[in-house]
């Protein structure tokens, strides 16, 4: 009485097929397959997006080294702080 034998499973499958019908079961299978494919595609897109984001961040960090920033960018701000004569 511990585990179900193969005959128990066959009877369960026959009852399920009779209750729901084979067409409805086929539709459920197709929907499940589509959901799994969409999930896998979503995971692939997320990995690809993560890789692209990391590459863009690395390129942005390399774009302007700190020692090459000129003071011209800051003089405009300093000039705005001075009162007009």
PDB file of N, CA and C in Angstrom:
ATOM      1  N   UNK A   1       0.814  -1.187   0.000  1.00  0.00           N
ATOM      2  CA  UNK A   1       0.000   0.000   0.000  1.00  0.00           C
ATOM      3  C   UNK A   1       0.865   1.261   0.000  1.00  0.00           C
ATOM      4  N   UNK A   2       2.172   1.099  -0.019  1.00  0.00           N
ATOM      5  CA  UNK A   2       3.087   2.236   0.051  1.00  0.00           C
ATOM      6  C   UNK A   2       3.115   3.079  -1.206  1.00  0.00           C
ATOM      7  N   UNK A   3       3.547   2.505  -2.333  1.00  0.00           N
ATOM      8  CA  UNK A   3       3.687   3.298  -3.551  1.00  0.00           C
ATOM      9  C   UNK A   3       2.649   2.876  -4.589  1.00  0.00           C
ATOM     10  N   UNK A   4       2.438   3.725  -5.543  1.00  0.00           N
ATOM     11  CA  UNK A   4       1.482   3.433  -6.598  1.00  0.00           C
ATOM     12  C   UNK A   4       2.168   2.644  -7.709  1.00  0.00           C
ATOM     13  N   UNK A   5       1.510   1.631  -8.209  1.00  0.00           N
ATOM     14  CA  UNK A   5       2.083   0.843  -9.293  1.00  0.00           C
ATOM     15  C   UNK A   5       1.756   1.498 -10.630  1.00  0.00           C
ATOM     16  N   UNK A   6       2.276   0.947 -11.703  1.00  0.00           N
ATOM     17  CA  UNK A   6       2.035   1.486 -13.035  1.00  0.00           C
ATOM     18  C   UNK A   6       0.549   1.435 -13.379  1.00  0.00           C
ATOM     19  N   UNK A   7      -0.153   0.428 -12.898  1.00  0.00           N
ATOM     20  CA  UNK A   7      -1.593   0.299 -13.191  1.00  0.00           C
ATOM     21  C   UNK A   7      -2.399   1.406 -12.525  1.00  0.00           C
ATOM     22  N   UNK A   8      -1.989   1.814 -11.330  1.00  0.00           N
ATOM     23  CA  UNK A   8      -2.664   2.928 -10.678  1.00  0.00           C
ATOM     24  C   UNK A   8      -2.533   4.200 -11.530  1.00  0.00           C
ATOM     25  N   UNK A   9      -1.332   4.447 -12.038  1.00  0.00           N
ATOM     26  CA  UNK A   9      -1.089   5.631 -12.857  1.00  0.00           C
ATOM     27  C   UNK A   9      -1.886   5.574 -14.163  1.00  0.00           C
ATOM     28  N   UNK A  10      -1.980   4.415 -14.770  1.00  0.00           N
ATOM     29  CA  UNK A  10      -2.753   4.260 -16.001  1.00  0.00           C
ATOM     30  C   UNK A  10      -4.223   4.593 -15.743  1.00  0.00           C
ATOM     31  N   UNK A  11      -4.754   4.096 -14.659  1.00  0.00           N
ATOM     32  CA  UNK A  11      -6.156   4.370 -14.326  1.00  0.00           C
ATOM     33  C   UNK A  11      -6.364   5.864 -14.077  1.00  0.00           C
ATOM     34  N   UNK A  12      -5.438   6.490 -13.362  1.00  0.00           N
ATOM     35  CA  UNK A  12      -5.534   7.929 -13.099  1.00  0.00           C
ATOM     36  C   UNK A  12      -5.511   8.707 -14.413  1.00  0.00           C
ATOM     37  N   UNK A  13      -4.611   8.352 -15.335  1.00  0.00           N
ATOM     38  CA  UNK A  13      -4.523   9.045 -16.619  1.00  0.00           C
ATOM     39  C   UNK A  13      -5.791   8.867 -17.453  1.00  0.00           C
ATOM     40  N   UNK A  14      -6.365   7.676 -17.429  1.00  0.00           N
ATOM     41  CA  UNK A  14      -7.604   7.430 -18.167  1.00  0.00           C
ATOM     42  C   UNK A  14      -8.739   8.273 -17.589  1.00  0.00           C
ATOM     43  N   UNK A  15      -8.846   8.340 -16.281  1.00  0.00           N
ATOM     44  CA  UNK A  15      -9.898   9.139 -15.648  1.00  0.00           C
ATOM     45  C   UNK A  15      -9.713  10.618 -15.976  1.00  0.00           C
ATOM     46  N   UNK A  16      -8.474  11.111 -15.923  1.00  0.00           N
ATOM     47  CA  UNK A  16      -8.207  12.519 -16.243  1.00  0.00           C
ATOM     48  C   UNK A  16      -8.571  12.794 -17.700  1.00  0.00           C
ATOM     49  N   UNK A  17      -8.207  11.885 -18.615  1.00  0.00           N
ATOM     50  CA  UNK A  17      -8.534  12.061 -20.032  1.00  0.00           C
ATOM     51  C   UNK A  17     -10.043  12.074 -20.241  1.00  0.00           C
ATOM     52  N   UNK A  18     -10.770  11.235 -19.516  1.00  0.00           N
ATOM     53  CA  UNK A  18     -12.231  11.204 -19.649  1.00  0.00           C
ATOM     54  C   UNK A  18     -12.876  12.471 -19.097  1.00  0.00           C
ATOM     55  N   UNK A  19     -12.351  12.972 -18.003  1.00  0.00           N
ATOM     56  CA  UNK A  19     -12.944  14.150 -17.368  1.00  0.00           C
ATOM     57  C   UNK A  19     -12.669  15.410 -18.199  1.00  0.00           C
ATOM     58  N   UNK A  20     -11.421  15.614 -18.583  1.00  0.00           N
ATOM     59  CA  UNK A  20     -11.050  16.852 -19.272  1.00  0.00           C
ATOM     60  C   UNK A  20     -11.142  16.748 -20.787  1.00  0.00           C
ATOM     61  N   UNK A  21     -11.012  15.591 -21.330  1.00  0.00           N
ATOM     62  CA  UNK A  21     -11.005  15.441 -22.775  1.00  0.00           C
ATOM     63  C   UNK A  21      -9.613  15.634 -23.345  1.00  0.00           C
ATOM     64  N   UNK A  22      -9.323  14.944 -24.430  1.00  0.00           N
ATOM     65  CA  UNK A  22      -7.961  14.988 -24.981  1.00  0.00           C
ATOM     66  C   UNK A  22      -7.642  16.339 -25.596  1.00  0.00           C
ATOM     67  N   UNK A  23      -8.626  17.019 -26.166  1.00  0.00           N
ATOM     68  CA  UNK A  23      -8.375  18.316 -26.786  1.00  0.00           C
ATOM     69  C   UNK A  23      -7.951  19.347 -25.743  1.00  0.00           C
ATOM     70  N   UNK A  24      -8.647  19.369 -24.629  1.00  0.00           N
ATOM     71  CA  UNK A  24      -8.302  20.321 -23.572  1.00  0.00           C
ATOM     72  C   UNK A  24      -6.918  20.002 -22.991  1.00  0.00           C
ATOM     73  N   UNK A  25      -6.618  18.722 -22.832  1.00  0.00           N
ATOM     74  CA  UNK A  25      -5.292  18.334 -22.330  1.00  0.00           C
ATOM     75  C   UNK A  25      -4.202  18.733 -23.318  1.00  0.00           C
ATOM     76  N   UNK A  26      -4.473  18.599 -24.615  1.00  0.00           N
ATOM     77  CA  UNK A  26      -3.503  19.005 -25.626  1.00  0.00           C
ATOM     78  C   UNK A  26      -3.264  20.507 -25.555  1.00  0.00           C
ATOM     79  N   UNK A  27      -4.330  21.278 -25.388  1.00  0.00           N
ATOM     80  CA  UNK A  27      -4.191  22.732 -25.274  1.00  0.00           C
ATOM     81  C   UNK A  27      -3.387  23.121 -24.036  1.00  0.00           C
ATOM     82  N   UNK A  28      -3.617  22.431 -22.946  1.00  0.00           N
ATOM     83  CA  UNK A  28      -2.858  22.706 -21.716  1.00  0.00           C
ATOM     84  C   UNK A  28      -1.380  22.401 -21.947  1.00  0.00           C
ATOM     85  N   UNK A  29      -1.087  21.309 -22.644  1.00  0.00           N
ATOM     86  CA  UNK A  29       0.299  20.959 -22.954  1.00  0.00           C
ATOM     87  C   UNK A  29       0.969  22.003 -23.828  1.00  0.00           C
ATOM     88  N   UNK A  30       0.235  22.488 -24.844  1.00  0.00           N
ATOM     89  CA  UNK A  30       0.790  23.527 -25.712  1.00  0.00           C
ATOM     90  C   UNK A  30       1.042  24.812 -24.935  1.00  0.00           C
ATOM     91  N   UNK A  31       0.107  25.189 -24.082  1.00  0.00           N
ATOM     92  CA  UNK A  31       0.277  26.396 -23.280  1.00  0.00           C
ATOM     93  C   UNK A  31       1.472  26.276 -22.341  1.00  0.00           C
ATOM     94  N   UNK A  32       1.622  25.103 -21.764  1.00  0.00           N
ATOM     95  CA  UNK A  32       2.762  24.877 -20.867  1.00  0.00           C
ATOM     96  C   UNK A  32       4.082  24.953 -21.632  1.00  0.00           C
ATOM     97  N   UNK A  33       4.113  24.364 -22.825  1.00  0.00           N
ATOM     98  CA  UNK A  33       5.321  24.424 -23.651  1.00  0.00           C
ATOM     99  C   UNK A  33       5.667  25.845 -24.050  1.00  0.00           C
ATOM    100  N   UNK A  34       4.661  26.629 -24.408  1.00  0.00           N
ATOM    101  CA  UNK A  34       4.882  28.025 -24.773  1.00  0.00           C
ATOM    102  C   UNK A  34       5.401  28.820 -23.575  1.00  0.00           C
ATOM    103  N   UNK A  35       4.860  28.540 -22.409  1.00  0.00           N
ATOM    104  CA  UNK A  35       5.310  29.245 -21.204  1.00  0.00           C
ATOM    105  C   UNK A  35       6.763  28.918 -20.895  1.00  0.00           C
ATOM    106  N   UNK A  36       7.147  27.657 -21.057  1.00  0.00           N
ATOM    107  CA  UNK A  36       8.539  27.266 -20.785  1.00  0.00           C
ATOM    108  C   UNK A  36       9.473  27.931 -21.787  1.00  0.00           C
ATOM    109  N   UNK A  37       9.081  27.963 -23.068  1.00  0.00           N
ATOM    110  CA  UNK A  37       9.915  28.622 -24.082  1.00  0.00           C
ATOM    111  C   UNK A  37      10.064  30.109 -23.777  1.00  0.00           C
ATOM    112  N   UNK A  38       8.968  30.746 -23.391  1.00  0.00           N
ATOM    113  CA  UNK A  38       9.030  32.161 -23.038  1.00  0.00           C
ATOM    114  C   UNK A  38       9.914  32.421 -21.835  1.00  0.00           C
ATOM    115  N   UNK A  39       9.856  31.516 -20.869  1.00  0.00           N
ATOM    116  CA  UNK A  39      10.690  31.654 -19.676  1.00  0.00           C
ATOM    117  C   UNK A  39      12.171  31.537 -20.035  1.00  0.00           C
ATOM    118  N   UNK A  40      12.499  30.552 -20.879  1.00  0.00           N
ATOM    119  CA  UNK A  40      13.894  30.383 -21.304  1.00  0.00           C
ATOM    120  C   UNK A  40      14.374  31.583 -22.099  1.00  0.00           C
ATOM    121  N   UNK A  41      13.517  32.117 -22.971  1.00  0.00           N
ATOM    122  CA  UNK A  41      13.884  33.292 -23.751  1.00  0.00           C
ATOM    123  C   UNK A  41      14.100  34.489 -22.830  1.00  0.00           C
ATOM    124  N   UNK A  42      13.248  34.623 -21.827  1.00  0.00           N
ATOM    125  CA  UNK A  42      13.403  35.713 -20.867  1.00  0.00           C
ATOM    126  C   UNK A  42      14.710  35.626 -20.097  1.00  0.00           C
ATOM    127  N   UNK A  43      15.096  34.415 -19.730  1.00  0.00           N
ATOM    128  CA  UNK A  43      16.372  34.242 -19.045  1.00  0.00           C
ATOM    129  C   UNK A  43      17.529  34.597 -19.963  1.00  0.00           C
ATOM    130  N   UNK A  44      17.441  34.189 -21.221  1.00  0.00           N
ATOM    131  CA  UNK A  44      18.494  34.513 -22.188  1.00  0.00           C
ATOM    132  C   UNK A  44      18.585  36.007 -22.426  1.00  0.00           C
ATOM    133  N   UNK A  45      17.444  36.684 -22.536  1.00  0.00           N
ATOM    134  CA  UNK A  45      17.431  38.131 -22.728  1.00  0.00           C
ATOM    135  C   UNK A  45      18.001  38.843 -21.516  1.00  0.00           C
ATOM    136  N   UNK A  46      17.686  38.355 -20.333  1.00  0.00           N
ATOM    137  CA  UNK A  46      18.196  38.982 -19.110  1.00  0.00           C
ATOM    138  C   UNK A  46      19.713  38.845 -19.036  1.00  0.00           C
ATOM    139  N   UNK A  47      20.246  37.673 -19.398  1.00  0.00           N
ATOM    140  CA  UNK A  47      21.696  37.486 -19.400  1.00  0.00           C
ATOM    141  C   UNK A  47      22.345  38.395 -20.416  1.00  0.00           C
ATOM    142  N   UNK A  48      21.755  38.483 -21.611  1.00  0.00           N
ATOM    143  CA  UNK A  48      22.297  39.324 -22.669  1.00  0.00           C
ATOM    144  C   UNK A  48      22.257  40.786 -22.259  1.00  0.00           C
ATOM    145  N   UNK A  49      21.158  41.213 -21.658  1.00  0.00           N
ATOM    146  CA  UNK A  49      21.014  42.596 -21.215  1.00  0.00           C
ATOM    147  C   UNK A  49      22.023  42.910 -20.119  1.00  0.00           C
ATOM    148  N   UNK A  50      22.231  41.967 -19.216  1.00  0.00           N
ATOM    149  CA  UNK A  50      23.194  42.161 -18.139  1.00  0.00           C
ATOM    150  C   UNK A  50      24.600  42.313 -18.700  1.00  0.00           C
ATOM    151  N   UNK A  51      24.946  41.511 -19.702  1.00  0.00           N
ATOM    152  CA  UNK A  51      26.268  41.588 -20.318  1.00  0.00           C
ATOM    153  C   UNK A  51      26.447  42.918 -21.030  1.00  0.00           C
ATOM    154  N   UNK A  52      25.424  43.358 -21.755  1.00  0.00           N
ATOM    155  CA  UNK A  52      25.491  44.634 -22.463  1.00  0.00           C
ATOM    156  C   UNK A  52      25.622  45.783 -21.467  1.00  0.00           C
ATOM    157  N   UNK A  53      24.873  45.732 -20.375  1.00  0.00           N
ATOM    158  CA  UNK A  53      24.932  46.780 -19.365  1.00  0.00           C
ATOM    159  C   UNK A  53      26.313  46.845 -18.720  1.00  0.00           C
ATOM    160  N   UNK A  54      26.888  45.694 -18.420  1.00  0.00           N
ATOM    161  CA  UNK A  54      28.229  45.670 -17.825  1.00  0.00           C
ATOM    162  C   UNK A  54      29.262  46.226 -18.788  1.00  0.00           C
ATOM    163  N   UNK A  55      29.160  45.880 -20.084  1.00  0.00           N
ATOM    164  CA  UNK A  55      30.105  46.397 -21.072  1.00  0.00           C
ATOM    165  C   UNK A  55      29.962  47.904 -21.212  1.00  0.00           C
ATOM    166  N   UNK A  56      28.725  48.404 -21.242  1.00  0.00           N
ATOM    167  CA  UNK A  56      28.500  49.836 -21.369  1.00  0.00           C
ATOM    168  C   UNK A  56      29.038  50.584 -20.156  1.00  0.00           C
ATOM    169  N   UNK A  57      28.843  50.038 -18.981  1.00  0.00           N
ATOM    170  CA  UNK A  57      29.356  50.674 -17.763  1.00  0.00           C
ATOM    171  C   UNK A  57      30.876  50.704 -17.767  1.00  0.00           C
ATOM    172  N   UNK A  58      31.490  49.630 -18.240  1.00  0.00           N
ATOM    173  CA  UNK A  58      32.950  49.583 -18.296  1.00  0.00           C
ATOM    174  C   UNK A  58      33.477  50.597 -19.306  1.00  0.00           C
ATOM    175  N   UNK A  59      32.824  50.718 -20.459  1.00  0.00           N
ATOM    176  CA  UNK A  59      33.249  51.692 -21.460  1.00  0.00           C
ATOM    177  C   UNK A  59      33.045  53.113 -20.955  1.00  0.00           C
ATOM    178  N   UNK A  60      31.957  53.353 -20.241  1.00  0.00           N
ATOM    179  CA  UNK A  60      31.689  54.679 -19.712  1.00  0.00           C
ATOM    180  C   UNK A  60      32.731  55.055 -18.665  1.00  0.00           C
ATOM    181  N   UNK A  61      33.135  54.096 -17.866  1.00  0.00           N
ATOM    182  CA  UNK A  61      34.141  54.362 -16.847  1.00  0.00           C
ATOM    183  C   UNK A  61      35.493  54.674 -17.489  1.00  0.00           C
ATOM    184  N   UNK A  62      35.773  54.098 -18.654  1.00  0.00           N
ATOM    185  CA  UNK A  62      37.029  54.334 -19.353  1.00  0.00           C
ATOM    186  C   UNK A  62      36.986  55.623 -20.178  1.00  0.00           C
ATOM    187  N   UNK A  63      35.821  56.182 -20.399  1.00  0.00           N
ATOM    188  CA  UNK A  63      35.662  57.288 -21.330  1.00  0.00           C
ATOM    189  C   UNK A  63      36.486  58.511 -20.950  1.00  0.00           C
ATOM    190  N   UNK A  64      36.453  58.970 -19.715  1.00  0.00           N
ATOM    191  CA  UNK A  64      37.177  60.173 -19.308  1.00  0.00           C
ATOM    192  C   UNK A  64      37.971  59.876 -18.044  1.00  0.00           C
ATOM    193  N   UNK A  65      39.272  59.685 -18.197  1.00  0.00           N
ATOM    194  CA  UNK A  65      40.085  59.490 -16.996  1.00  0.00           C
ATOM    195  C   UNK A  65      40.078  60.759 -16.134  1.00  0.00           C
ATOM    196  N   UNK A  66      40.149  60.582 -14.851  1.00  0.00           N
ATOM    197  CA  UNK A  66      40.043  61.701 -13.910  1.00  0.00           C
ATOM    198  C   UNK A  66      41.182  62.697 -14.084  1.00  0.00           C
ATOM    199  N   UNK A  67      42.380  62.221 -14.389  1.00  0.00           N
ATOM    200  CA  UNK A  67      43.521  63.129 -14.491  1.00  0.00           C
ATOM    201  C   UNK A  67      43.477  63.980 -15.762  1.00  0.00           C
ATOM    202  N   UNK A  68      42.571  63.695 -16.711  1.00  0.00           N
ATOM    203  CA  UNK A  68      42.475  64.475 -17.939  1.00  0.00           C
ATOM    204  C   UNK A  68      41.329  65.482 -17.920  1.00  0.00           C
ATOM    205  N   UNK A  69      40.633  65.593 -16.827  1.00  0.00           N
ATOM    206  CA  UNK A  69      39.536  66.550 -16.734  1.00  0.00           C
ATOM    207  C   UNK A  69      40.143  67.931 -16.526  1.00  0.00           C
ATOM    208  N   UNK A  70      39.728  68.873 -17.356  1.00  0.00           N
ATOM    209  CA  UNK A  70      40.294  70.224 -17.250  1.00  0.00           C
ATOM    210  C   UNK A  70      39.463  71.069 -16.286  1.00  0.00           C
ATOM    211  N   UNK A  71      40.073  72.167 -15.862  1.00  0.00           N
ATOM    212  CA  UNK A  71      39.379  73.070 -14.957  1.00  0.00           C
ATOM    213  C   UNK A  71      38.376  73.949 -15.693  1.00  0.00           C
ATOM    214  N   UNK A  72      38.347  73.896 -17.014  1.00  0.00           N
ATOM    215  CA  UNK A  72      37.420  74.727 -17.781  1.00  0.00           C
ATOM    216  C   UNK A  72      35.975  74.394 -17.427  1.00  0.00           C
ATOM    217  N   UNK A  73      35.721  73.190 -17.091  1.00  0.00           N
ATOM    218  CA  UNK A  73      34.365  72.787 -16.726  1.00  0.00           C
ATOM    219  C   UNK A  73      33.936  73.426 -15.414  1.00  0.00           C
ATOM    220  N   UNK A  74      34.883  73.717 -14.547  1.00  0.00           N
ATOM    221  CA  UNK A  74      34.564  74.242 -13.227  1.00  0.00           C
ATOM    222  C   UNK A  74      34.646  75.760 -13.168  1.00  0.00           C
ATOM    223  N   UNK A  75      35.334  76.403 -14.101  1.00  0.00           N
ATOM    224  CA  UNK A  75      35.452  77.863 -14.054  1.00  0.00           C
ATOM    225  C   UNK A  75      34.106  78.521 -14.296  1.00  0.00           C
ATOM    226  N   UNK A  76      33.265  77.917 -15.121  1.00  0.00           N
ATOM    227  CA  UNK A  76      31.943  78.487 -15.378  1.00  0.00           C
ATOM    228  C   UNK A  76      31.116  78.510 -14.101  1.00  0.00           C
ATOM    229  N   UNK A  77      31.229  77.490 -13.312  1.00  0.00           N
ATOM    230  CA  UNK A  77      30.494  77.431 -12.046  1.00  0.00           C
ATOM    231  C   UNK A  77      31.033  78.480 -11.079  1.00  0.00           C
ATOM    232  N   UNK A  78      32.358  78.639 -11.043  1.00  0.00           N
ATOM    233  CA  UNK A  78      32.959  79.642 -10.156  1.00  0.00           C
ATOM    234  C   UNK A  78      32.543  81.028 -10.572  1.00  0.00           C
ATOM    235  N   UNK A  79      32.468  81.293 -11.896  1.00  0.00           N
ATOM    236  CA  UNK A  79      32.089  82.608 -12.370  1.00  0.00           C
ATOM    237  C   UNK A  79      30.640  82.938 -12.006  1.00  0.00           C
ATOM    238  N   UNK A  80      29.767  81.949 -11.967  1.00  0.00           N
ATOM    239  CA  UNK A  80      28.384  82.189 -11.608  1.00  0.00           C
ATOM    240  C   UNK A  80      28.245  82.562 -10.142  1.00  0.00           C
ATOM    241  N   UNK A  81      29.145  82.060  -9.303  1.00  0.00           N
ATOM    242  CA  UNK A  81      29.081  82.349  -7.883  1.00  0.00           C
ATOM    243  C   UNK A  81      29.529  83.787  -7.564  1.00  0.00           C
ATOM    244  N   UNK A  82      30.350  84.382  -8.427  1.00  0.00           N
ATOM    245  CA  UNK A  82      30.851  85.751  -8.169  1.00  0.00           C
ATOM    246  C   UNK A  82      29.747  86.762  -8.464  1.00  0.00           C
ATOM    247  N   UNK A  83      29.601  87.754  -7.599  1.00  0.00           N
ATOM    248  CA  UNK A  83      28.610  88.797  -7.873  1.00  0.00           C
ATOM    249  C   UNK A  83      29.080  89.700  -9.023  1.00  0.00           C
ATOM    250  N   UNK A  84      28.145  90.183  -9.786  1.00  0.00           N
ATOM    251  CA  UNK A  84      28.478  91.081 -10.918  1.00  0.00           C
ATOM    252  C   UNK A  84      28.855  92.445 -10.386  1.00  0.00           C
ATOM    253  N   UNK A  85      29.856  93.083 -11.042  1.00  0.00           N
ATOM    254  CA  UNK A  85      30.319  94.392 -10.591  1.00  0.00           C
ATOM    255  C   UNK A  85      29.607  95.529 -11.238  1.00  0.00           C
TER     256      UNK A  85
END
